[in-house]
PDB file of N, CA and C in Angstrom:
ATOM      1  N   UNK A   1      32.345 200.526 141.844  1.00  0.00           N
ATOM      2  CA  UNK A   1      31.240 200.023 142.639  1.00  0.00           C
ATOM      3  C   UNK A   1      30.571 201.157 143.425  1.00  0.00           C
ATOM      4  N   UNK A   2      31.365 202.098 143.914  1.00  0.00           N
ATOM      5  CA  UNK A   2      30.795 203.213 144.666  1.00  0.00           C
ATOM      6  C   UNK A   2      29.849 204.021 143.792  1.00  0.00           C
ATOM      7  N   UNK A   3      30.183 204.147 142.511  1.00  0.00           N
ATOM      8  CA  UNK A   3      29.319 204.892 141.607  1.00  0.00           C
ATOM      9  C   UNK A   3      27.969 204.190 141.461  1.00  0.00           C
ATOM     10  N   UNK A   4      27.966 202.865 141.344  1.00  0.00           N
ATOM     11  CA  UNK A   4      26.719 202.106 141.231  1.00  0.00           C
ATOM     12  C   UNK A   4      25.895 202.250 142.501  1.00  0.00           C
ATOM     13  N   UNK A   5      26.552 202.194 143.654  1.00  0.00           N
ATOM     14  CA  UNK A   5      25.848 202.354 144.923  1.00  0.00           C
ATOM     15  C   UNK A   5      25.257 203.753 145.022  1.00  0.00           C
ATOM     16  N   UNK A   6      26.006 204.747 144.579  1.00  0.00           N
ATOM     17  CA  UNK A   6      25.523 206.119 144.604  1.00  0.00           C
ATOM     18  C   UNK A   6      24.308 206.279 143.701  1.00  0.00           C
ATOM     19  N   UNK A   7      24.362 205.670 142.509  1.00  0.00           N
ATOM     20  CA  UNK A   7      23.239 205.734 141.579  1.00  0.00           C
ATOM     21  C   UNK A   7      22.014 205.066 142.189  1.00  0.00           C
ATOM     22  N   UNK A   8      22.212 203.894 142.820  1.00  0.00           N
ATOM     23  CA  UNK A   8      21.114 203.189 143.473  1.00  0.00           C
ATOM     24  C   UNK A   8      20.515 204.015 144.593  1.00  0.00           C
ATOM     25  N   UNK A   9      21.360 204.710 145.345  1.00  0.00           N
ATOM     26  CA  UNK A   9      20.886 205.564 146.432  1.00  0.00           C
ATOM     27  C   UNK A   9      20.062 206.725 145.891  1.00  0.00           C
ATOM     28  N   UNK A  10      20.510 207.294 144.774  1.00  0.00           N
ATOM     29  CA  UNK A  10      19.744 208.389 144.157  1.00  0.00           C
ATOM     30  C   UNK A  10      18.391 207.882 143.668  1.00  0.00           C
ATOM     31  N   UNK A  11      18.376 206.699 143.073  1.00  0.00           N
ATOM     32  CA  UNK A  11      17.108 206.118 142.622  1.00  0.00           C
ATOM     33  C   UNK A  11      16.186 205.855 143.805  1.00  0.00           C
ATOM     34  N   UNK A  12      16.749 205.341 144.887  1.00  0.00           N
ATOM     35  CA  UNK A  12      15.954 205.066 146.084  1.00  0.00           C
ATOM     36  C   UNK A  12      15.342 206.353 146.624  1.00  0.00           C
ATOM     37  N   UNK A  13      16.133 207.409 146.697  1.00  0.00           N
ATOM     38  CA  UNK A  13      15.611 208.697 147.165  1.00  0.00           C
ATOM     39  C   UNK A  13      14.533 209.220 146.221  1.00  0.00           C
ATOM     40  N   UNK A  14      14.718 209.016 144.935  1.00  0.00           N
ATOM     41  CA  UNK A  14      13.727 209.441 143.949  1.00  0.00           C
ATOM     42  C   UNK A  14      12.402 208.703 144.145  1.00  0.00           C
ATOM     43  N   UNK A  15      12.469 207.395 144.376  1.00  0.00           N
ATOM     44  CA  UNK A  15      11.252 206.608 144.620  1.00  0.00           C
ATOM     45  C   UNK A  15      10.563 207.103 145.882  1.00  0.00           C
ATOM     46  N   UNK A  16      11.316 207.266 146.948  1.00  0.00           N
ATOM     47  CA  UNK A  16      10.731 207.725 148.214  1.00  0.00           C
ATOM     48  C   UNK A  16      10.053 209.074 148.049  1.00  0.00           C
ATOM     49  N   UNK A  17      10.708 209.985 147.348  1.00  0.00           N
ATOM     50  CA  UNK A  17      10.143 211.314 147.118  1.00  0.00           C
ATOM     51  C   UNK A  17       8.872 211.211 146.268  1.00  0.00           C
ATOM     52  N   UNK A  18       8.915 210.398 145.227  1.00  0.00           N
ATOM     53  CA  UNK A  18       7.769 210.242 144.327  1.00  0.00           C
ATOM     54  C   UNK A  18       6.546 209.725 145.072  1.00  0.00           C
ATOM     55  N   UNK A  19       6.717 208.699 145.918  1.00  0.00           N
ATOM     56  CA  UNK A  19       5.549 208.126 146.592  1.00  0.00           C
ATOM     57  C   UNK A  19       5.012 209.031 147.694  1.00  0.00           C
ATOM     58  N   UNK A  20       5.855 209.900 148.234  1.00  0.00           N
ATOM     59  CA  UNK A  20       5.392 210.846 149.251  1.00  0.00           C
ATOM     60  C   UNK A  20       4.674 212.034 148.601  1.00  0.00           C
ATOM     61  N   UNK A  21       5.151 212.461 147.441  1.00  0.00           N
ATOM     62  CA  UNK A  21       4.614 213.661 146.791  1.00  0.00           C
ATOM     63  C   UNK A  21       3.361 213.404 145.961  1.00  0.00           C
ATOM     64  N   UNK A  22       3.004 212.143 145.731  1.00  0.00           N
ATOM     65  CA  UNK A  22       1.844 211.811 144.903  1.00  0.00           C
ATOM     66  C   UNK A  22       0.903 210.903 145.678  1.00  0.00           C
ATOM     67  N   UNK A  23      -0.402 211.211 145.675  1.00  0.00           N
ATOM     68  CA  UNK A  23      -1.356 210.427 146.470  1.00  0.00           C
ATOM     69  C   UNK A  23      -1.370 208.937 146.117  1.00  0.00           C
ATOM     70  N   UNK A  24      -1.290 208.623 144.824  1.00  0.00           N
ATOM     71  CA  UNK A  24      -1.291 207.230 144.378  1.00  0.00           C
ATOM     72  C   UNK A  24      -0.236 207.068 143.296  1.00  0.00           C
ATOM     73  N   UNK A  25       0.628 206.077 143.472  1.00  0.00           N
ATOM     74  CA  UNK A  25       1.682 205.795 142.497  1.00  0.00           C
ATOM     75  C   UNK A  25       1.626 204.311 142.149  1.00  0.00           C
ATOM     76  N   UNK A  26       1.666 204.034 140.848  1.00  0.00           N
ATOM     77  CA  UNK A  26       1.718 202.654 140.376  1.00  0.00           C
ATOM     78  C   UNK A  26       2.981 202.491 139.540  1.00  0.00           C
ATOM     79  N   UNK A  27       3.863 201.598 139.976  1.00  0.00           N
ATOM     80  CA  UNK A  27       4.996 201.187 139.153  1.00  0.00           C
ATOM     81  C   UNK A  27       4.506 199.979 138.380  1.00  0.00           C
ATOM     82  N   UNK A  28       4.583 200.058 137.057  1.00  0.00           N
ATOM     83  CA  UNK A  28       3.879 199.143 136.176  1.00  0.00           C
ATOM     84  C   UNK A  28       4.764 198.746 135.004  1.00  0.00           C
ATOM     85  N   UNK A  29       4.271 197.809 134.209  1.00  0.00           N
ATOM     86  CA  UNK A  29       4.846 197.514 132.890  1.00  0.00           C
ATOM     87  C   UNK A  29       3.686 197.477 131.907  1.00  0.00           C
ATOM     88  N   UNK A  30       3.886 198.049 130.741  1.00  0.00           N
ATOM     89  CA  UNK A  30       2.789 198.226 129.781  1.00  0.00           C
ATOM     90  C   UNK A  30       2.146 196.919 129.371  1.00  0.00           C
ATOM     91  N   UNK A  31       2.903 195.832 129.330  1.00  0.00           N
ATOM     92  CA  UNK A  31       2.407 194.550 128.843  1.00  0.00           C
ATOM     93  C   UNK A  31       1.843 193.651 129.935  1.00  0.00           C
ATOM     94  N   UNK A  32       1.940 194.043 131.188  1.00  0.00           N
ATOM     95  CA  UNK A  32       1.558 193.195 132.320  1.00  0.00           C
ATOM     96  C   UNK A  32       0.052 193.233 132.560  1.00  0.00           C
ATOM     97  N   UNK A  33      -0.591 192.075 132.504  1.00  0.00           N
ATOM     98  CA  UNK A  33      -2.049 192.020 132.681  1.00  0.00           C
ATOM     99  C   UNK A  33      -2.462 192.446 134.089  1.00  0.00           C
ATOM    100  N   UNK A  34      -1.651 192.150 135.098  1.00  0.00           N
ATOM    101  CA  UNK A  34      -1.977 192.578 136.461  1.00  0.00           C
ATOM    102  C   UNK A  34      -1.890 194.098 136.586  1.00  0.00           C
ATOM    103  N   UNK A  35      -0.884 194.678 135.941  1.00  0.00           N
ATOM    104  CA  UNK A  35      -0.757 196.138 135.933  1.00  0.00           C
ATOM    105  C   UNK A  35      -1.956 196.765 135.235  1.00  0.00           C
ATOM    106  N   UNK A  36      -2.359 196.174 134.107  1.00  0.00           N
ATOM    107  CA  UNK A  36      -3.524 196.686 133.377  1.00  0.00           C
ATOM    108  C   UNK A  36      -4.770 196.639 134.248  1.00  0.00           C
ATOM    109  N   UNK A  37      -4.913 195.560 135.015  1.00  0.00           N
ATOM    110  CA  UNK A  37      -6.081 195.406 135.880  1.00  0.00           C
ATOM    111  C   UNK A  37      -6.122 196.490 136.954  1.00  0.00           C
ATOM    112  N   UNK A  38      -4.986 196.760 137.586  1.00  0.00           N
ATOM    113  CA  UNK A  38      -4.928 197.783 138.634  1.00  0.00           C
ATOM    114  C   UNK A  38      -5.195 199.172 138.050  1.00  0.00           C
ATOM    115  N   UNK A  39      -4.592 199.471 136.903  1.00  0.00           N
ATOM    116  CA  UNK A  39      -4.819 200.780 136.269  1.00  0.00           C
ATOM    117  C   UNK A  39      -6.288 200.933 135.891  1.00  0.00           C
ATOM    118  N   UNK A  40      -6.899 199.863 135.415  1.00  0.00           N
ATOM    119  CA  UNK A  40      -8.315 199.884 135.053  1.00  0.00           C
ATOM    120  C   UNK A  40      -9.195 200.117 136.285  1.00  0.00           C
ATOM    121  N   UNK A  41      -8.846 199.502 137.394  1.00  0.00           N
ATOM    122  CA  UNK A  41      -9.601 199.687 138.635  1.00  0.00           C
ATOM    123  C   UNK A  41      -9.613 201.152 139.046  1.00  0.00           C
ATOM    124  N   UNK A  42      -8.450 201.779 139.064  1.00  0.00           N
ATOM    125  CA  UNK A  42      -8.391 203.189 139.450  1.00  0.00           C
ATOM    126  C   UNK A  42      -9.160 204.060 138.462  1.00  0.00           C
ATOM    127  N   UNK A  43      -9.106 203.724 137.178  1.00  0.00           N
ATOM    128  CA  UNK A  43      -9.859 204.483 136.174  1.00  0.00           C
ATOM    129  C   UNK A  43     -11.359 204.372 136.442  1.00  0.00           C
ATOM    130  N   UNK A  44     -11.837 203.157 136.746  1.00  0.00           N
ATOM    131  CA  UNK A  44     -13.262 202.967 137.054  1.00  0.00           C
ATOM    132  C   UNK A  44     -13.670 203.748 138.297  1.00  0.00           C
ATOM    133  N   UNK A  45     -12.744 203.906 139.225  1.00  0.00           N
ATOM    134  CA  UNK A  45     -13.015 204.661 140.446  1.00  0.00           C
ATOM    135  C   UNK A  45     -12.908 206.168 140.232  1.00  0.00           C
ATOM    136  N   UNK A  46     -12.497 206.574 139.031  1.00  0.00           N
ATOM    137  CA  UNK A  46     -12.355 207.995 138.732  1.00  0.00           C
ATOM    138  C   UNK A  46     -11.108 208.610 139.337  1.00  0.00           C
ATOM    139  N   UNK A  47     -10.116 207.784 139.598  1.00  0.00           N
ATOM    140  CA  UNK A  47      -8.871 208.234 140.223  1.00  0.00           C
ATOM    141  C   UNK A  47      -7.754 208.184 139.185  1.00  0.00           C
ATOM    142  N   UNK A  48      -6.916 209.217 139.179  1.00  0.00           N
ATOM    143  CA  UNK A  48      -5.800 209.264 138.235  1.00  0.00           C
ATOM    144  C   UNK A  48      -4.478 209.161 138.988  1.00  0.00           C
ATOM    145  N   UNK A  49      -3.973 207.947 139.148  1.00  0.00           N
ATOM    146  CA  UNK A  49      -2.681 207.791 139.823  1.00  0.00           C
ATOM    147  C   UNK A  49      -1.532 208.209 138.920  1.00  0.00           C
ATOM    148  N   UNK A  50      -0.395 208.448 139.519  1.00  0.00           N
ATOM    149  CA  UNK A  50       0.835 208.606 138.752  1.00  0.00           C
ATOM    150  C   UNK A  50       1.275 207.201 138.369  1.00  0.00           C
ATOM    151  N   UNK A  51       1.384 206.933 137.073  1.00  0.00           N
ATOM    152  CA  UNK A  51       1.794 205.615 136.590  1.00  0.00           C
ATOM    153  C   UNK A  51       3.196 205.729 136.003  1.00  0.00           C
ATOM    154  N   UNK A  52       4.092 204.901 136.494  1.00  0.00           N
ATOM    155  CA  UNK A  52       5.462 204.865 135.992  1.00  0.00           C
ATOM    156  C   UNK A  52       5.665 203.504 135.343  1.00  0.00           C
ATOM    157  N   UNK A  53       5.825 203.516 134.019  1.00  0.00           N
ATOM    158  CA  UNK A  53       5.974 202.280 133.245  1.00  0.00           C
ATOM    159  C   UNK A  53       7.455 201.905 133.189  1.00  0.00           C
ATOM    160  N   UNK A  54       7.827 200.902 133.961  1.00  0.00           N
ATOM    161  CA  UNK A  54       9.237 200.512 134.066  1.00  0.00           C
ATOM    162  C   UNK A  54       9.822 200.080 132.729  1.00  0.00           C
ATOM    163  N   UNK A  55       9.006 199.468 131.872  1.00  0.00           N
ATOM    164  CA  UNK A  55       9.523 198.983 130.585  1.00  0.00           C
ATOM    165  C   UNK A  55       9.711 200.099 129.562  1.00  0.00           C
ATOM    166  N   UNK A  56       9.342 201.313 129.919  1.00  0.00           N
ATOM    167  CA  UNK A  56       9.549 202.455 129.026  1.00  0.00           C
ATOM    168  C   UNK A  56      10.714 203.333 129.489  1.00  0.00           C
ATOM    169  N   UNK A  57      11.454 202.870 130.484  1.00  0.00           N
ATOM    170  CA  UNK A  57      12.539 203.673 131.059  1.00  0.00           C
ATOM    171  C   UNK A  57      13.923 203.237 130.603  1.00  0.00           C
ATOM    172  N   UNK A  58      14.000 202.362 129.618  1.00  0.00           N
ATOM    173  CA  UNK A  58      15.301 201.888 129.144  1.00  0.00           C
ATOM    174  C   UNK A  58      16.034 201.133 130.229  1.00  0.00           C
ATOM    175  N   UNK A  59      17.342 201.362 130.318  1.00  0.00           N
ATOM    176  CA  UNK A  59      18.161 200.620 131.283  1.00  0.00           C
ATOM    177  C   UNK A  59      17.835 200.986 132.728  1.00  0.00           C
ATOM    178  N   UNK A  60      17.199 202.118 132.937  1.00  0.00           N
ATOM    179  CA  UNK A  60      16.851 202.523 134.298  1.00  0.00           C
ATOM    180  C   UNK A  60      15.691 201.690 134.854  1.00  0.00           C
ATOM    181  N   UNK A  61      14.857 201.114 133.983  1.00  0.00           N
ATOM    182  CA  UNK A  61      13.708 200.328 134.433  1.00  0.00           C
ATOM    183  C   UNK A  61      14.077 199.167 135.342  1.00  0.00           C
ATOM    184  N   UNK A  62      14.979 198.266 134.903  1.00  0.00           N
ATOM    185  CA  UNK A  62      15.373 197.154 135.771  1.00  0.00           C
ATOM    186  C   UNK A  62      16.053 197.616 137.063  1.00  0.00           C
ATOM    187  N   UNK A  63      16.815 198.703 136.982  1.00  0.00           N
ATOM    188  CA  UNK A  63      17.462 199.233 138.186  1.00  0.00           C
ATOM    189  C   UNK A  63      16.416 199.748 139.164  1.00  0.00           C
ATOM    190  N   UNK A  64      15.410 200.425 138.642  1.00  0.00           N
ATOM    191  CA  UNK A  64      14.334 200.936 139.481  1.00  0.00           C
ATOM    192  C   UNK A  64      13.552 199.781 140.103  1.00  0.00           C
ATOM    193  N   UNK A  65      13.357 198.712 139.345  1.00  0.00           N
ATOM    194  CA  UNK A  65      12.647 197.554 139.879  1.00  0.00           C
ATOM    195  C   UNK A  65      13.438 196.920 141.032  1.00  0.00           C
ATOM    196  N   UNK A  66      14.752 196.903 140.939  1.00  0.00           N
ATOM    197  CA  UNK A  66      15.585 196.379 142.031  1.00  0.00           C
ATOM    198  C   UNK A  66      15.475 197.268 143.269  1.00  0.00           C
ATOM    199  N   UNK A  67      15.420 198.583 143.062  1.00  0.00           N
ATOM    200  CA  UNK A  67      15.247 199.514 144.180  1.00  0.00           C
ATOM    201  C   UNK A  67      13.896 199.272 144.844  1.00  0.00           C
ATOM    202  N   UNK A  68      12.850 199.093 144.042  1.00  0.00           N
ATOM    203  CA  UNK A  68      11.519 198.819 144.597  1.00  0.00           C
ATOM    204  C   UNK A  68      11.529 197.531 145.414  1.00  0.00           C
ATOM    205  N   UNK A  69      12.224 196.517 144.919  1.00  0.00           N
ATOM    206  CA  UNK A  69      12.307 195.257 145.669  1.00  0.00           C
ATOM    207  C   UNK A  69      13.015 195.478 147.003  1.00  0.00           C
ATOM    208  N   UNK A  70      14.090 196.257 146.978  1.00  0.00           N
ATOM    209  CA  UNK A  70      14.828 196.546 148.213  1.00  0.00           C
ATOM    210  C   UNK A  70      13.939 197.292 149.217  1.00  0.00           C
ATOM    211  N   UNK A  71      13.116 198.214 148.728  1.00  0.00           N
ATOM    212  CA  UNK A  71      12.269 199.023 149.610  1.00  0.00           C
ATOM    213  C   UNK A  71      11.030 198.286 150.099  1.00  0.00           C
ATOM    214  N   UNK A  72      10.482 197.397 149.249  1.00  0.00           N
ATOM    215  CA  UNK A  72       9.180 196.796 149.554  1.00  0.00           C
ATOM    216  C   UNK A  72       9.208 195.285 149.755  1.00  0.00           C
ATOM    217  N   UNK A  73      10.260 194.632 149.288  1.00  0.00           N
ATOM    218  CA  UNK A  73      10.296 193.179 149.313  1.00  0.00           C
ATOM    219  C   UNK A  73       9.535 192.555 148.156  1.00  0.00           C
ATOM    220  N   UNK A  74       9.002 193.374 147.274  1.00  0.00           N
ATOM    221  CA  UNK A  74       8.207 192.905 146.136  1.00  0.00           C
ATOM    222  C   UNK A  74       8.949 193.199 144.841  1.00  0.00           C
ATOM    223  N   UNK A  75       9.209 192.150 144.049  1.00  0.00           N
ATOM    224  CA  UNK A  75       9.916 192.333 142.783  1.00  0.00           C
ATOM    225  C   UNK A  75       8.962 192.478 141.602  1.00  0.00           C
ATOM    226  N   UNK A  76       7.730 192.036 141.771  1.00  0.00           N
ATOM    227  CA  UNK A  76       6.776 192.023 140.661  1.00  0.00           C
ATOM    228  C   UNK A  76       6.055 193.360 140.520  1.00  0.00           C
ATOM    229  N   UNK A  77       5.424 193.537 139.366  1.00  0.00           N
ATOM    230  CA  UNK A  77       4.541 194.680 139.137  1.00  0.00           C
ATOM    231  C   UNK A  77       3.118 194.155 139.012  1.00  0.00           C
ATOM    232  N   UNK A  78       2.147 194.994 139.269  1.00  0.00           N
ATOM    233  CA  UNK A  78       2.265 196.388 139.683  1.00  0.00           C
ATOM    234  C   UNK A  78       2.740 196.501 141.128  1.00  0.00           C
ATOM    235  N   UNK A  79       3.341 197.602 141.408  1.00  0.00           N
ATOM    236  CA  UNK A  79       3.817 197.929 142.739  1.00  0.00           C
ATOM    237  C   UNK A  79       3.112 199.235 143.103  1.00  0.00           C
ATOM    238  N   UNK A  80       2.145 199.161 144.022  1.00  0.00           N
ATOM    239  CA  UNK A  80       1.217 200.265 144.273  1.00  0.00           C
ATOM    240  C   UNK A  80       1.485 200.918 145.625  1.00  0.00           C
ATOM    241  N   UNK A  81       1.486 202.255 145.613  1.00  0.00           N
ATOM    242  CA  UNK A  81       1.639 203.050 146.827  1.00  0.00           C
ATOM    243  C   UNK A  81       0.444 203.994 146.933  1.00  0.00           C
ATOM    244  N   UNK A  82      -0.147 204.058 148.112  1.00  0.00           N
ATOM    245  CA  UNK A  82      -1.240 204.997 148.372  1.00  0.00           C
ATOM    246  C   UNK A  82      -0.890 205.770 149.638  1.00  0.00           C
ATOM    247  N   UNK A  83      -0.945 207.092 149.542  1.00  0.00           N
ATOM    248  CA  UNK A  83      -0.625 207.927 150.694  1.00  0.00           C
ATOM    249  C   UNK A  83       0.772 207.684 151.237  1.00  0.00           C
ATOM    250  N   UNK A  84       1.709 207.390 150.334  1.00  0.00           N
ATOM    251  CA  UNK A  84       3.086 207.159 150.744  1.00  0.00           C
ATOM    252  C   UNK A  84       3.359 205.773 151.293  1.00  0.00           C
ATOM    253  N   UNK A  85       2.330 204.931 151.379  1.00  0.00           N
ATOM    254  CA  UNK A  85       2.478 203.580 151.927  1.00  0.00           C
ATOM    255  C   UNK A  85       2.380 202.545 150.818  1.00  0.00           C
ATOM    256  N   UNK A  86       3.241 201.541 150.883  1.00  0.00           N
ATOM    257  CA  UNK A  86       3.206 200.442 149.916  1.00  0.00           C
ATOM    258  C   UNK A  86       2.043 199.523 150.272  1.00  0.00           C
ATOM    259  N   UNK A  87       1.147 199.287 149.310  1.00  0.00           N
ATOM    260  CA  UNK A  87       0.018 198.399 149.591  1.00  0.00           C
ATOM    261  C   UNK A  87       0.125 197.075 148.854  1.00  0.00           C
ATOM    262  N   UNK A  88       1.129 196.913 148.006  1.00  0.00           N
ATOM    263  CA  UNK A  88       1.313 195.642 147.315  1.00  0.00           C
ATOM    264  C   UNK A  88       1.045 195.754 145.835  1.00  0.00           C
ATOM    265  N   UNK A  89       0.509 194.655 145.295  1.00  0.00           N
ATOM    266  CA  UNK A  89       0.274 194.589 143.857  1.00  0.00           C
ATOM    267  C   UNK A  89      -1.173 194.314 143.536  1.00  0.00           C
ATOM    268  N   UNK A  90      -1.392 193.291 142.724  1.00  0.00           N
ATOM    269  CA  UNK A  90      -2.735 193.023 142.230  1.00  0.00           C
ATOM    270  C   UNK A  90      -3.338 191.752 142.811  1.00  0.00           C
ATOM    271  N   UNK A  91      -2.510 190.829 143.272  1.00  0.00           N
ATOM    272  CA  UNK A  91      -3.055 189.547 143.738  1.00  0.00           C
ATOM    273  C   UNK A  91      -3.138 189.472 145.241  1.00  0.00           C
TER     274      UNK A  91
END
């Protein structure tokens, strides 16, 4: 169990570092229509966010989604961060 907690802590630190080091971060899933809508919005605005597709990360994707829920209270995607702050999703 300690190993799982340690892995979760490393993932949490990775998420925190990622959202601080990148102006805009979208945690997304390739098939999600809400994620597509948010990515399209930023494209229309001429902005290139860092997009992390959870469904392309194998077994780490669901674990990362649990970390995001723990950090933000939001389990759904897209999960959007701007300037290091969580702003929510699409709805």
